[in-house]
């Protein structure tokens, strides 16, 4: 299934890559 989520902000199959936020 790919990567297991480490947090609610982690990438998922339902979120396209362009919509994912990266918060430093």
PDBML (XML) file of the C-alpha atoms, coordinates in Angstrom:
<?xml version="1.0" encoding="UTF-8" ?>
<PDBx:datablock datablockName="MODEL"
   xmlns:PDBx="http://pdbml.pdb.org/schema/pdbx-v50.xsd"
   xmlns:xsi="http://www.w3.org/2001/XMLSchema-instance"
   xsi:schemaLocation="http://pdbml.pdb.org/schema/pdbx-v50.xsd pdbx-v50.xsd">
   <PDBx:atom_siteCategory>
      <PDBx:atom_site id="1">
         <PDBx:B_iso_or_equiv>0.00</PDBx:B_iso_or_equiv>
         <PDBx:Cartn_x>0.000</PDBx:Cartn_x>
         <PDBx:Cartn_y>0.000</PDBx:Cartn_y>
         <PDBx:Cartn_z>0.000</PDBx:Cartn_z>
         <PDBx:auth_asym_id>A</PDBx:auth_asym_id>
         <PDBx:auth_atom_id>CA</PDBx:auth_atom_id>
         <PDBx:auth_comp_id>UNK</PDBx:auth_comp_id>
         <PDBx:auth_seq_id>1</PDBx:auth_seq_id>
         <PDBx:group_PDB>ATOM</PDBx:group_PDB>
         <PDBx:label_alt_id xsi:nil="true" />
         <PDBx:label_asym_id>A</PDBx:label_asym_id>
         <PDBx:label_atom_id>CA</PDBx:label_atom_id>
         <PDBx:label_comp_id>UNK</PDBx:label_comp_id>
         <PDBx:label_entity_id>1</PDBx:label_entity_id>
         <PDBx:label_seq_id>1</PDBx:label_seq_id>
         <PDBx:occupancy>1.00</PDBx:occupancy>
         <PDBx:pdbx_PDB_model_num>1</PDBx:pdbx_PDB_model_num>
         <PDBx:type_symbol>C</PDBx:type_symbol>
      </PDBx:atom_site>
      <PDBx:atom_site id="2">
         <PDBx:B_iso_or_equiv>0.00</PDBx:B_iso_or_equiv>
         <PDBx:Cartn_x>2.918</PDBx:Cartn_x>
         <PDBx:Cartn_y>2.427</PDBx:Cartn_y>
         <PDBx:Cartn_z>-0.186</PDBx:Cartn_z>
         <PDBx:auth_asym_id>A</PDBx:auth_asym_id>
         <PDBx:auth_atom_id>CA</PDBx:auth_atom_id>
         <PDBx:auth_comp_id>UNK</PDBx:auth_comp_id>
         <PDBx:auth_seq_id>2</PDBx:auth_seq_id>
         <PDBx:group_PDB>ATOM</PDBx:group_PDB>
         <PDBx:label_alt_id xsi:nil="true" />
         <PDBx:label_asym_id>A</PDBx:label_asym_id>
         <PDBx:label_atom_id>CA</PDBx:label_atom_id>
         <PDBx:label_comp_id>UNK</PDBx:label_comp_id>
         <PDBx:label_entity_id>1</PDBx:label_entity_id>
         <PDBx:label_seq_id>2</PDBx:label_seq_id>
         <PDBx:occupancy>1.00</PDBx:occupancy>
         <PDBx:pdbx_PDB_model_num>1</PDBx:pdbx_PDB_model_num>
         <PDBx:type_symbol>C</PDBx:type_symbol>
      </PDBx:atom_site>
      <PDBx:atom_site id="3">
         <PDBx:B_iso_or_equiv>0.00</PDBx:B_iso_or_equiv>
         <PDBx:Cartn_x>3.853</PDBx:Cartn_x>
         <PDBx:Cartn_y>4.465</PDBx:Cartn_y>
         <PDBx:Cartn_z>2.883</PDBx:Cartn_z>
         <PDBx:auth_asym_id>A</PDBx:auth_asym_id>
         <PDBx:auth_atom_id>CA</PDBx:auth_atom_id>
         <PDBx:auth_comp_id>UNK</PDBx:auth_comp_id>
         <PDBx:auth_seq_id>3</PDBx:auth_seq_id>
         <PDBx:group_PDB>ATOM</PDBx:group_PDB>
         <PDBx:label_alt_id xsi:nil="true" />
         <PDBx:label_asym_id>A</PDBx:label_asym_id>
         <PDBx:label_atom_id>CA</PDBx:label_atom_id>
         <PDBx:label_comp_id>UNK</PDBx:label_comp_id>
         <PDBx:label_entity_id>1</PDBx:label_entity_id>
         <PDBx:label_seq_id>3</PDBx:label_seq_id>
         <PDBx:occupancy>1.00</PDBx:occupancy>
         <PDBx:pdbx_PDB_model_num>1</PDBx:pdbx_PDB_model_num>
         <PDBx:type_symbol>C</PDBx:type_symbol>
      </PDBx:atom_site>
      <PDBx:atom_site id="4">
         <PDBx:B_iso_or_equiv>0.00</PDBx:B_iso_or_equiv>
         <PDBx:Cartn_x>2.123</PDBx:Cartn_x>
         <PDBx:Cartn_y>4.196</PDBx:Cartn_y>
         <PDBx:Cartn_z>6.233</PDBx:Cartn_z>
         <PDBx:auth_asym_id>A</PDBx:auth_asym_id>
         <PDBx:auth_atom_id>CA</PDBx:auth_atom_id>
         <PDBx:auth_comp_id>UNK</PDBx:auth_comp_id>
         <PDBx:auth_seq_id>4</PDBx:auth_seq_id>
         <PDBx:group_PDB>ATOM</PDBx:group_PDB>
         <PDBx:label_alt_id xsi:nil="true" />
         <PDBx:label_asym_id>A</PDBx:label_asym_id>
         <PDBx:label_atom_id>CA</PDBx:label_atom_id>
         <PDBx:label_comp_id>UNK</PDBx:label_comp_id>
         <PDBx:label_entity_id>1</PDBx:label_entity_id>
         <PDBx:label_seq_id>4</PDBx:label_seq_id>
         <PDBx:occupancy>1.00</PDBx:occupancy>
         <PDBx:pdbx_PDB_model_num>1</PDBx:pdbx_PDB_model_num>
         <PDBx:type_symbol>C</PDBx:type_symbol>
      </PDBx:atom_site>
      <PDBx:atom_site id="5">
         <PDBx:B_iso_or_equiv>0.00</PDBx:B_iso_or_equiv>
         <PDBx:Cartn_x>1.033</PDBx:Cartn_x>
         <PDBx:Cartn_y>7.597</PDBx:Cartn_y>
         <PDBx:Cartn_z>7.463</PDBx:Cartn_z>
         <PDBx:auth_asym_id>A</PDBx:auth_asym_id>
         <PDBx:auth_atom_id>CA</PDBx:auth_atom_id>
         <PDBx:auth_comp_id>UNK</PDBx:auth_comp_id>
         <PDBx:auth_seq_id>5</PDBx:auth_seq_id>
         <PDBx:group_PDB>ATOM</PDBx:group_PDB>
         <PDBx:label_alt_id xsi:nil="true" />
         <PDBx:label_asym_id>A</PDBx:label_asym_id>
         <PDBx:label_atom_id>CA</PDBx:label_atom_id>
         <PDBx:label_comp_id>UNK</PDBx:label_comp_id>
         <PDBx:label_entity_id>1</PDBx:label_entity_id>
         <PDBx:label_seq_id>5</PDBx:label_seq_id>
         <PDBx:occupancy>1.00</PDBx:occupancy>
         <PDBx:pdbx_PDB_model_num>1</PDBx:pdbx_PDB_model_num>
         <PDBx:type_symbol>C</PDBx:type_symbol>
      </PDBx:atom_site>
      <PDBx:atom_site id="6">
         <PDBx:B_iso_or_equiv>0.00</PDBx:B_iso_or_equiv>
         <PDBx:Cartn_x>3.301</PDBx:Cartn_x>
         <PDBx:Cartn_y>9.106</PDBx:Cartn_y>
         <PDBx:Cartn_z>10.121</PDBx:Cartn_z>
         <PDBx:auth_asym_id>A</PDBx:auth_asym_id>
         <PDBx:auth_atom_id>CA</PDBx:auth_atom_id>
         <PDBx:auth_comp_id>UNK</PDBx:auth_comp_id>
         <PDBx:auth_seq_id>6</PDBx:auth_seq_id>
         <PDBx:group_PDB>ATOM</PDBx:group_PDB>
         <PDBx:label_alt_id xsi:nil="true" />
         <PDBx:label_asym_id>A</PDBx:label_asym_id>
         <PDBx:label_atom_id>CA</PDBx:label_atom_id>
         <PDBx:label_comp_id>UNK</PDBx:label_comp_id>
         <PDBx:label_entity_id>1</PDBx:label_entity_id>
         <PDBx:label_seq_id>6</PDBx:label_seq_id>
         <PDBx:occupancy>1.00</PDBx:occupancy>
         <PDBx:pdbx_PDB_model_num>1</PDBx:pdbx_PDB_model_num>
         <PDBx:type_symbol>C</PDBx:type_symbol>
      </PDBx:atom_site>
      <PDBx:atom_site id="7">
         <PDBx:B_iso_or_equiv>0.00</PDBx:B_iso_or_equiv>
         <PDBx:Cartn_x>0.940</PDBx:Cartn_x>
         <PDBx:Cartn_y>12.043</PDBx:Cartn_y>
         <PDBx:Cartn_z>10.703</PDBx:Cartn_z>
         <PDBx:auth_asym_id>A</PDBx:auth_asym_id>
         <PDBx:auth_atom_id>CA</PDBx:auth_atom_id>
         <PDBx:auth_comp_id>UNK</PDBx:auth_comp_id>
         <PDBx:auth_seq_id>7</PDBx:auth_seq_id>
         <PDBx:group_PDB>ATOM</PDBx:group_PDB>
         <PDBx:label_alt_id xsi:nil="true" />
         <PDBx:label_asym_id>A</PDBx:label_asym_id>
         <PDBx:label_atom_id>CA</PDBx:label_atom_id>
         <PDBx:label_comp_id>UNK</PDBx:label_comp_id>
         <PDBx:label_entity_id>1</PDBx:label_entity_id>
         <PDBx:label_seq_id>7</PDBx:label_seq_id>
         <PDBx:occupancy>1.00</PDBx:occupancy>
         <PDBx:pdbx_PDB_model_num>1</PDBx:pdbx_PDB_model_num>
         <PDBx:type_symbol>C</PDBx:type_symbol>
      </PDBx:atom_site>
      <PDBx:atom_site id="8">
         <PDBx:B_iso_or_equiv>0.00</PDBx:B_iso_or_equiv>
         <PDBx:Cartn_x>-2.353</PDBx:Cartn_x>
         <PDBx:Cartn_y>13.451</PDBx:Cartn_y>
         <PDBx:Cartn_z>9.404</PDBx:Cartn_z>
         <PDBx:auth_asym_id>A</PDBx:auth_asym_id>
         <PDBx:auth_atom_id>CA</PDBx:auth_atom_id>
         <PDBx:auth_comp_id>UNK</PDBx:auth_comp_id>
         <PDBx:auth_seq_id>8</PDBx:auth_seq_id>
         <PDBx:group_PDB>ATOM</PDBx:group_PDB>
         <PDBx:label_alt_id xsi:nil="true" />
         <PDBx:label_asym_id>A</PDBx:label_asym_id>
         <PDBx:label_atom_id>CA</PDBx:label_atom_id>
         <PDBx:label_comp_id>UNK</PDBx:label_comp_id>
         <PDBx:label_entity_id>1</PDBx:label_entity_id>
         <PDBx:label_seq_id>8</PDBx:label_seq_id>
         <PDBx:occupancy>1.00</PDBx:occupancy>
         <PDBx:pdbx_PDB_model_num>1</PDBx:pdbx_PDB_model_num>
         <PDBx:type_symbol>C</PDBx:type_symbol>
      </PDBx:atom_site>
      <PDBx:atom_site id="9">
         <PDBx:B_iso_or_equiv>0.00</PDBx:B_iso_or_equiv>
         <PDBx:Cartn_x>-0.336</PDBx:Cartn_x>
         <PDBx:Cartn_y>15.655</PDBx:Cartn_y>
         <PDBx:Cartn_z>7.004</PDBx:Cartn_z>
         <PDBx:auth_asym_id>A</PDBx:auth_asym_id>
         <PDBx:auth_atom_id>CA</PDBx:auth_atom_id>
         <PDBx:auth_comp_id>UNK</PDBx:auth_comp_id>
         <PDBx:auth_seq_id>9</PDBx:auth_seq_id>
         <PDBx:group_PDB>ATOM</PDBx:group_PDB>
         <PDBx:label_alt_id xsi:nil="true" />
         <PDBx:label_asym_id>A</PDBx:label_asym_id>
         <PDBx:label_atom_id>CA</PDBx:label_atom_id>
         <PDBx:label_comp_id>UNK</PDBx:label_comp_id>
         <PDBx:label_entity_id>1</PDBx:label_entity_id>
         <PDBx:label_seq_id>9</PDBx:label_seq_id>
         <PDBx:occupancy>1.00</PDBx:occupancy>
         <PDBx:pdbx_PDB_model_num>1</PDBx:pdbx_PDB_model_num>
         <PDBx:type_symbol>C</PDBx:type_symbol>
      </PDBx:atom_site>
      <PDBx:atom_site id="10">
         <PDBx:B_iso_or_equiv>0.00</PDBx:B_iso_or_equiv>
         <PDBx:Cartn_x>1.487</PDBx:Cartn_x>
         <PDBx:Cartn_y>12.668</PDBx:Cartn_y>
         <PDBx:Cartn_z>5.471</PDBx:Cartn_z>
         <PDBx:auth_asym_id>A</PDBx:auth_asym_id>
         <PDBx:auth_atom_id>CA</PDBx:auth_atom_id>
         <PDBx:auth_comp_id>UNK</PDBx:auth_comp_id>
         <PDBx:auth_seq_id>10</PDBx:auth_seq_id>
         <PDBx:group_PDB>ATOM</PDBx:group_PDB>
         <PDBx:label_alt_id xsi:nil="true" />
         <PDBx:label_asym_id>A</PDBx:label_asym_id>
         <PDBx:label_atom_id>CA</PDBx:label_atom_id>
         <PDBx:label_comp_id>UNK</PDBx:label_comp_id>
         <PDBx:label_entity_id>1</PDBx:label_entity_id>
         <PDBx:label_seq_id>10</PDBx:label_seq_id>
         <PDBx:occupancy>1.00</PDBx:occupancy>
         <PDBx:pdbx_PDB_model_num>1</PDBx:pdbx_PDB_model_num>
         <PDBx:type_symbol>C</PDBx:type_symbol>
      </PDBx:atom_site>
      <PDBx:atom_site id="11">
         <PDBx:B_iso_or_equiv>0.00</PDBx:B_iso_or_equiv>
         <PDBx:Cartn_x>0.909</PDBx:Cartn_x>
         <PDBx:Cartn_y>11.946</PDBx:Cartn_y>
         <PDBx:Cartn_z>1.770</PDBx:Cartn_z>
         <PDBx:auth_asym_id>A</PDBx:auth_asym_id>
         <PDBx:auth_atom_id>CA</PDBx:auth_atom_id>
         <PDBx:auth_comp_id>UNK</PDBx:auth_comp_id>
         <PDBx:auth_seq_id>11</PDBx:auth_seq_id>
         <PDBx:group_PDB>ATOM</PDBx:group_PDB>
         <PDBx:label_alt_id xsi:nil="true" />
         <PDBx:label_asym_id>A</PDBx:label_asym_id>
         <PDBx:label_atom_id>CA</PDBx:label_atom_id>
         <PDBx:label_comp_id>UNK</PDBx:label_comp_id>
         <PDBx:label_entity_id>1</PDBx:label_entity_id>
         <PDBx:label_seq_id>11</PDBx:label_seq_id>
         <PDBx:occupancy>1.00</PDBx:occupancy>
         <PDBx:pdbx_PDB_model_num>1</PDBx:pdbx_PDB_model_num>
         <PDBx:type_symbol>C</PDBx:type_symbol>
      </PDBx:atom_site>
      <PDBx:atom_site id="12">
         <PDBx:B_iso_or_equiv>0.00</PDBx:B_iso_or_equiv>
         <PDBx:Cartn_x>-1.967</PDBx:Cartn_x>
         <PDBx:Cartn_y>9.641</PDBx:Cartn_y>
         <PDBx:Cartn_z>0.931</PDBx:Cartn_z>
         <PDBx:auth_asym_id>A</PDBx:auth_asym_id>
         <PDBx:auth_atom_id>CA</PDBx:auth_atom_id>
         <PDBx:auth_comp_id>UNK</PDBx:auth_comp_id>
         <PDBx:auth_seq_id>12</PDBx:auth_seq_id>
         <PDBx:group_PDB>ATOM</PDBx:group_PDB>
         <PDBx:label_alt_id xsi:nil="true" />
         <PDBx:label_asym_id>A</PDBx:label_asym_id>
         <PDBx:label_atom_id>CA</PDBx:label_atom_id>
         <PDBx:label_comp_id>UNK</PDBx:label_comp_id>
         <PDBx:label_entity_id>1</PDBx:label_entity_id>
         <PDBx:label_seq_id>12</PDBx:label_seq_id>
         <PDBx:occupancy>1.00</PDBx:occupancy>
         <PDBx:pdbx_PDB_model_num>1</PDBx:pdbx_PDB_model_num>
         <PDBx:type_symbol>C</PDBx:type_symbol>
      </PDBx:atom_site>
      <PDBx:atom_site id="13">
         <PDBx:B_iso_or_equiv>0.00</PDBx:B_iso_or_equiv>
         <PDBx:Cartn_x>-3.304</PDBx:Cartn_x>
         <PDBx:Cartn_y>8.094</PDBx:Cartn_y>
         <PDBx:Cartn_z>-2.245</PDBx:Cartn_z>
         <PDBx:auth_asym_id>A</PDBx:auth_asym_id>
         <PDBx:auth_atom_id>CA</PDBx:auth_atom_id>
         <PDBx:auth_comp_id>UNK</PDBx:auth_comp_id>
         <PDBx:auth_seq_id>13</PDBx:auth_seq_id>
         <PDBx:group_PDB>ATOM</PDBx:group_PDB>
         <PDBx:label_alt_id xsi:nil="true" />
         <PDBx:label_asym_id>A</PDBx:label_asym_id>
         <PDBx:label_atom_id>CA</PDBx:label_atom_id>
         <PDBx:label_comp_id>UNK</PDBx:label_comp_id>
         <PDBx:label_entity_id>1</PDBx:label_entity_id>
         <PDBx:label_seq_id>13</PDBx:label_seq_id>
         <PDBx:occupancy>1.00</PDBx:occupancy>
         <PDBx:pdbx_PDB_model_num>1</PDBx:pdbx_PDB_model_num>
         <PDBx:type_symbol>C</PDBx:type_symbol>
      </PDBx:atom_site>
      <PDBx:atom_site id="14">
         <PDBx:B_iso_or_equiv>0.00</PDBx:B_iso_or_equiv>
         <PDBx:Cartn_x>-6.404</PDBx:Cartn_x>
         <PDBx:Cartn_y>10.314</PDBx:Cartn_y>
         <PDBx:Cartn_z>-1.976</PDBx:Cartn_z>
         <PDBx:auth_asym_id>A</PDBx:auth_asym_id>
         <PDBx:auth_atom_id>CA</PDBx:auth_atom_id>
         <PDBx:auth_comp_id>UNK</PDBx:auth_comp_id>
         <PDBx:auth_seq_id>14</PDBx:auth_seq_id>
         <PDBx:group_PDB>ATOM</PDBx:group_PDB>
         <PDBx:label_alt_id xsi:nil="true" />
         <PDBx:label_asym_id>A</PDBx:label_asym_id>
         <PDBx:label_atom_id>CA</PDBx:label_atom_id>
         <PDBx:label_comp_id>UNK</PDBx:label_comp_id>
         <PDBx:label_entity_id>1</PDBx:label_entity_id>
         <PDBx:label_seq_id>14</PDBx:label_seq_id>
         <PDBx:occupancy>1.00</PDBx:occupancy>
         <PDBx:pdbx_PDB_model_num>1</PDBx:pdbx_PDB_model_num>
         <PDBx:type_symbol>C</PDBx:type_symbol>
      </PDBx:atom_site>
      <PDBx:atom_site id="15">
         <PDBx:B_iso_or_equiv>0.00</PDBx:B_iso_or_equiv>
         <PDBx:Cartn_x>-4.361</PDBx:Cartn_x>
         <PDBx:Cartn_y>13.559</PDBx:Cartn_y>
         <PDBx:Cartn_z>-1.917</PDBx:Cartn_z>
         <PDBx:auth_asym_id>A</PDBx:auth_asym_id>
         <PDBx:auth_atom_id>CA</PDBx:auth_atom_id>
         <PDBx:auth_comp_id>UNK</PDBx:auth_comp_id>
         <PDBx:auth_seq_id>15</PDBx:auth_seq_id>
         <PDBx:group_PDB>ATOM</PDBx:group_PDB>
         <PDBx:label_alt_id xsi:nil="true" />
         <PDBx:label_asym_id>A</PDBx:label_asym_id>
         <PDBx:label_atom_id>CA</PDBx:label_atom_id>
         <PDBx:label_comp_id>UNK</PDBx:label_comp_id>
         <PDBx:label_entity_id>1</PDBx:label_entity_id>
         <PDBx:label_seq_id>15</PDBx:label_seq_id>
         <PDBx:occupancy>1.00</PDBx:occupancy>
         <PDBx:pdbx_PDB_model_num>1</PDBx:pdbx_PDB_model_num>
         <PDBx:type_symbol>C</PDBx:type_symbol>
      </PDBx:atom_site>
      <PDBx:atom_site id="16">
         <PDBx:B_iso_or_equiv>0.00</PDBx:B_iso_or_equiv>
         <PDBx:Cartn_x>-2.613</PDBx:Cartn_x>
         <PDBx:Cartn_y>14.458</PDBx:Cartn_y>
         <PDBx:Cartn_z>-5.151</PDBx:Cartn_z>
         <PDBx:auth_asym_id>A</PDBx:auth_asym_id>
         <PDBx:auth_atom_id>CA</PDBx:auth_atom_id>
         <PDBx:auth_comp_id>UNK</PDBx:auth_comp_id>
         <PDBx:auth_seq_id>16</PDBx:auth_seq_id>
         <PDBx:group_PDB>ATOM</PDBx:group_PDB>
         <PDBx:label_alt_id xsi:nil="true" />
         <PDBx:label_asym_id>A</PDBx:label_asym_id>
         <PDBx:label_atom_id>CA</PDBx:label_atom_id>
         <PDBx:label_comp_id>UNK</PDBx:label_comp_id>
         <PDBx:label_entity_id>1</PDBx:label_entity_id>
         <PDBx:label_seq_id>16</PDBx:label_seq_id>
         <PDBx:occupancy>1.00</PDBx:occupancy>
         <PDBx:pdbx_PDB_model_num>1</PDBx:pdbx_PDB_model_num>
         <PDBx:type_symbol>C</PDBx:type_symbol>
      </PDBx:atom_site>
      <PDBx:atom_site id="17">
         <PDBx:B_iso_or_equiv>0.00</PDBx:B_iso_or_equiv>
         <PDBx:Cartn_x>1.060</PDBx:Cartn_x>
         <PDBx:Cartn_y>15.409</PDBx:Cartn_y>
         <PDBx:Cartn_z>-4.659</PDBx:Cartn_z>
         <PDBx:auth_asym_id>A</PDBx:auth_asym_id>
         <PDBx:auth_atom_id>CA</PDBx:auth_atom_id>
         <PDBx:auth_comp_id>UNK</PDBx:auth_comp_id>
         <PDBx:auth_seq_id>17</PDBx:auth_seq_id>
         <PDBx:group_PDB>ATOM</PDBx:group_PDB>
         <PDBx:label_alt_id xsi:nil="true" />
         <PDBx:label_asym_id>A</PDBx:label_asym_id>
         <PDBx:label_atom_id>CA</PDBx:label_atom_id>
         <PDBx:label_comp_id>UNK</PDBx:label_comp_id>
         <PDBx:label_entity_id>1</PDBx:label_entity_id>
         <PDBx:label_seq_id>17</PDBx:label_seq_id>
         <PDBx:occupancy>1.00</PDBx:occupancy>
         <PDBx:pdbx_PDB_model_num>1</PDBx:pdbx_PDB_model_num>
         <PDBx:type_symbol>C</PDBx:type_symbol>
      </PDBx:atom_site>
      <PDBx:atom_site id="18">
         <PDBx:B_iso_or_equiv>0.00</PDBx:B_iso_or_equiv>
         <PDBx:Cartn_x>0.432</PDBx:Cartn_x>
         <PDBx:Cartn_y>19.060</PDBx:Cartn_y>
         <PDBx:Cartn_z>-5.695</PDBx:Cartn_z>
         <PDBx:auth_asym_id>A</PDBx:auth_asym_id>
         <PDBx:auth_atom_id>CA</PDBx:auth_atom_id>
         <PDBx:auth_comp_id>UNK</PDBx:auth_comp_id>
         <PDBx:auth_seq_id>18</PDBx:auth_seq_id>
         <PDBx:group_PDB>ATOM</PDBx:group_PDB>
         <PDBx:label_alt_id xsi:nil="true" />
         <PDBx:label_asym_id>A</PDBx:label_asym_id>
         <PDBx:label_atom_id>CA</PDBx:label_atom_id>
         <PDBx:label_comp_id>UNK</PDBx:label_comp_id>
         <PDBx:label_entity_id>1</PDBx:label_entity_id>
         <PDBx:label_seq_id>18</PDBx:label_seq_id>
         <PDBx:occupancy>1.00</PDBx:occupancy>
         <PDBx:pdbx_PDB_model_num>1</PDBx:pdbx_PDB_model_num>
         <PDBx:type_symbol>C</PDBx:type_symbol>
      </PDBx:atom_site>
      <PDBx:atom_site id="19">
         <PDBx:B_iso_or_equiv>0.00</PDBx:B_iso_or_equiv>
         <PDBx:Cartn_x>-2.117</PDBx:Cartn_x>
         <PDBx:Cartn_y>19.585</PDBx:Cartn_y>
         <PDBx:Cartn_z>-2.884</PDBx:Cartn_z>
         <PDBx:auth_asym_id>A</PDBx:auth_asym_id>
         <PDBx:auth_atom_id>CA</PDBx:auth_atom_id>
         <PDBx:auth_comp_id>UNK</PDBx:auth_comp_id>
         <PDBx:auth_seq_id>19</PDBx:auth_seq_id>
         <PDBx:group_PDB>ATOM</PDBx:group_PDB>
         <PDBx:label_alt_id xsi:nil="true" />
         <PDBx:label_asym_id>A</PDBx:label_asym_id>
         <PDBx:label_atom_id>CA</PDBx:label_atom_id>
         <PDBx:label_comp_id>UNK</PDBx:label_comp_id>
         <PDBx:label_entity_id>1</PDBx:label_entity_id>
         <PDBx:label_seq_id>19</PDBx:label_seq_id>
         <PDBx:occupancy>1.00</PDBx:occupancy>
         <PDBx:pdbx_PDB_model_num>1</PDBx:pdbx_PDB_model_num>
         <PDBx:type_symbol>C</PDBx:type_symbol>
      </PDBx:atom_site>
      <PDBx:atom_site id="20">
         <PDBx:B_iso_or_equiv>0.00</PDBx:B_iso_or_equiv>
         <PDBx:Cartn_x>0.114</PDBx:Cartn_x>
         <PDBx:Cartn_y>18.341</PDBx:Cartn_y>
         <PDBx:Cartn_z>-0.051</PDBx:Cartn_z>
         <PDBx:auth_asym_id>A</PDBx:auth_asym_id>
         <PDBx:auth_atom_id>CA</PDBx:auth_atom_id>
         <PDBx:auth_comp_id>UNK</PDBx:auth_comp_id>
         <PDBx:auth_seq_id>20</PDBx:auth_seq_id>
         <PDBx:group_PDB>ATOM</PDBx:group_PDB>
         <PDBx:label_alt_id xsi:nil="true" />
         <PDBx:label_asym_id>A</PDBx:label_asym_id>
         <PDBx:label_atom_id>CA</PDBx:label_atom_id>
         <PDBx:label_comp_id>UNK</PDBx:label_comp_id>
         <PDBx:label_entity_id>1</PDBx:label_entity_id>
         <PDBx:label_seq_id>20</PDBx:label_seq_id>
         <PDBx:occupancy>1.00</PDBx:occupancy>
         <PDBx:pdbx_PDB_model_num>1</PDBx:pdbx_PDB_model_num>
         <PDBx:type_symbol>C</PDBx:type_symbol>
      </PDBx:atom_site>
      <PDBx:atom_site id="21">
         <PDBx:B_iso_or_equiv>0.00</PDBx:B_iso_or_equiv>
         <PDBx:Cartn_x>1.457</PDBx:Cartn_x>
         <PDBx:Cartn_y>21.030</PDBx:Cartn_y>
         <PDBx:Cartn_z>2.281</PDBx:Cartn_z>
         <PDBx:auth_asym_id>A</PDBx:auth_asym_id>
         <PDBx:auth_atom_id>CA</PDBx:auth_atom_id>
         <PDBx:auth_comp_id>UNK</PDBx:auth_comp_id>
         <PDBx:auth_seq_id>21</PDBx:auth_seq_id>
         <PDBx:group_PDB>ATOM</PDBx:group_PDB>
         <PDBx:label_alt_id xsi:nil="true" />
         <PDBx:label_asym_id>A</PDBx:label_asym_id>
         <PDBx:label_atom_id>CA</PDBx:label_atom_id>
         <PDBx:label_comp_id>UNK</PDBx:label_comp_id>
         <PDBx:label_entity_id>1</PDBx:label_entity_id>
         <PDBx:label_seq_id>21</PDBx:label_seq_id>
         <PDBx:occupancy>1.00</PDBx:occupancy>
         <PDBx:pdbx_PDB_model_num>1</PDBx:pdbx_PDB_model_num>
         <PDBx:type_symbol>C</PDBx:type_symbol>
      </PDBx:atom_site>
      <PDBx:atom_site id="22">
         <PDBx:B_iso_or_equiv>0.00</PDBx:B_iso_or_equiv>
         <PDBx:Cartn_x>5.004</PDBx:Cartn_x>
         <PDBx:Cartn_y>20.937</PDBx:Cartn_y>
         <PDBx:Cartn_z>3.567</PDBx:Cartn_z>
         <PDBx:auth_asym_id>A</PDBx:auth_asym_id>
         <PDBx:auth_atom_id>CA</PDBx:auth_atom_id>
         <PDBx:auth_comp_id>UNK</PDBx:auth_comp_id>
         <PDBx:auth_seq_id>22</PDBx:auth_seq_id>
         <PDBx:group_PDB>ATOM</PDBx:group_PDB>
         <PDBx:label_alt_id xsi:nil="true" />
         <PDBx:label_asym_id>A</PDBx:label_asym_id>
         <PDBx:label_atom_id>CA</PDBx:label_atom_id>
         <PDBx:label_comp_id>UNK</PDBx:label_comp_id>
         <PDBx:label_entity_id>1</PDBx:label_entity_id>
         <PDBx:label_seq_id>22</PDBx:label_seq_id>
         <PDBx:occupancy>1.00</PDBx:occupancy>
         <PDBx:pdbx_PDB_model_num>1</PDBx:pdbx_PDB_model_num>
         <PDBx:type_symbol>C</PDBx:type_symbol>
      </PDBx:atom_site>
      <PDBx:atom_site id="23">
         <PDBx:B_iso_or_equiv>0.00</PDBx:B_iso_or_equiv>
         <PDBx:Cartn_x>5.354</PDBx:Cartn_x>
         <PDBx:Cartn_y>22.746</PDBx:Cartn_y>
         <PDBx:Cartn_z>6.877</PDBx:Cartn_z>
         <PDBx:auth_asym_id>A</PDBx:auth_asym_id>
         <PDBx:auth_atom_id>CA</PDBx:auth_atom_id>
         <PDBx:auth_comp_id>UNK</PDBx:auth_comp_id>
         <PDBx:auth_seq_id>23</PDBx:auth_seq_id>
         <PDBx:group_PDB>ATOM</PDBx:group_PDB>
         <PDBx:label_alt_id xsi:nil="true" />
         <PDBx:label_asym_id>A</PDBx:label_asym_id>
         <PDBx:label_atom_id>CA</PDBx:label_atom_id>
         <PDBx:label_comp_id>UNK</PDBx:label_comp_id>
         <PDBx:label_entity_id>1</PDBx:label_entity_id>
         <PDBx:label_seq_id>23</PDBx:label_seq_id>
         <PDBx:occupancy>1.00</PDBx:occupancy>
         <PDBx:pdbx_PDB_model_num>1</PDBx:pdbx_PDB_model_num>
         <PDBx:type_symbol>C</PDBx:type_symbol>
      </PDBx:atom_site>
      <PDBx:atom_site id="24">
         <PDBx:B_iso_or_equiv>0.00</PDBx:B_iso_or_equiv>
         <PDBx:Cartn_x>8.891</PDBx:Cartn_x>
         <PDBx:Cartn_y>23.293</PDBx:Cartn_y>
         <PDBx:Cartn_z>8.130</PDBx:Cartn_z>
         <PDBx:auth_asym_id>A</PDBx:auth_asym_id>
         <PDBx:auth_atom_id>CA</PDBx:auth_atom_id>
         <PDBx:auth_comp_id>UNK</PDBx:auth_comp_id>
         <PDBx:auth_seq_id>24</PDBx:auth_seq_id>
         <PDBx:group_PDB>ATOM</PDBx:group_PDB>
         <PDBx:label_alt_id xsi:nil="true" />
         <PDBx:label_asym_id>A</PDBx:label_asym_id>
         <PDBx:label_atom_id>CA</PDBx:label_atom_id>
         <PDBx:label_comp_id>UNK</PDBx:label_comp_id>
         <PDBx:label_entity_id>1</PDBx:label_entity_id>
         <PDBx:label_seq_id>24</PDBx:label_seq_id>
         <PDBx:occupancy>1.00</PDBx:occupancy>
         <PDBx:pdbx_PDB_model_num>1</PDBx:pdbx_PDB_model_num>
         <PDBx:type_symbol>C</PDBx:type_symbol>
      </PDBx:atom_site>
   </PDBx:atom_siteCategory>
</PDBx:datablock>
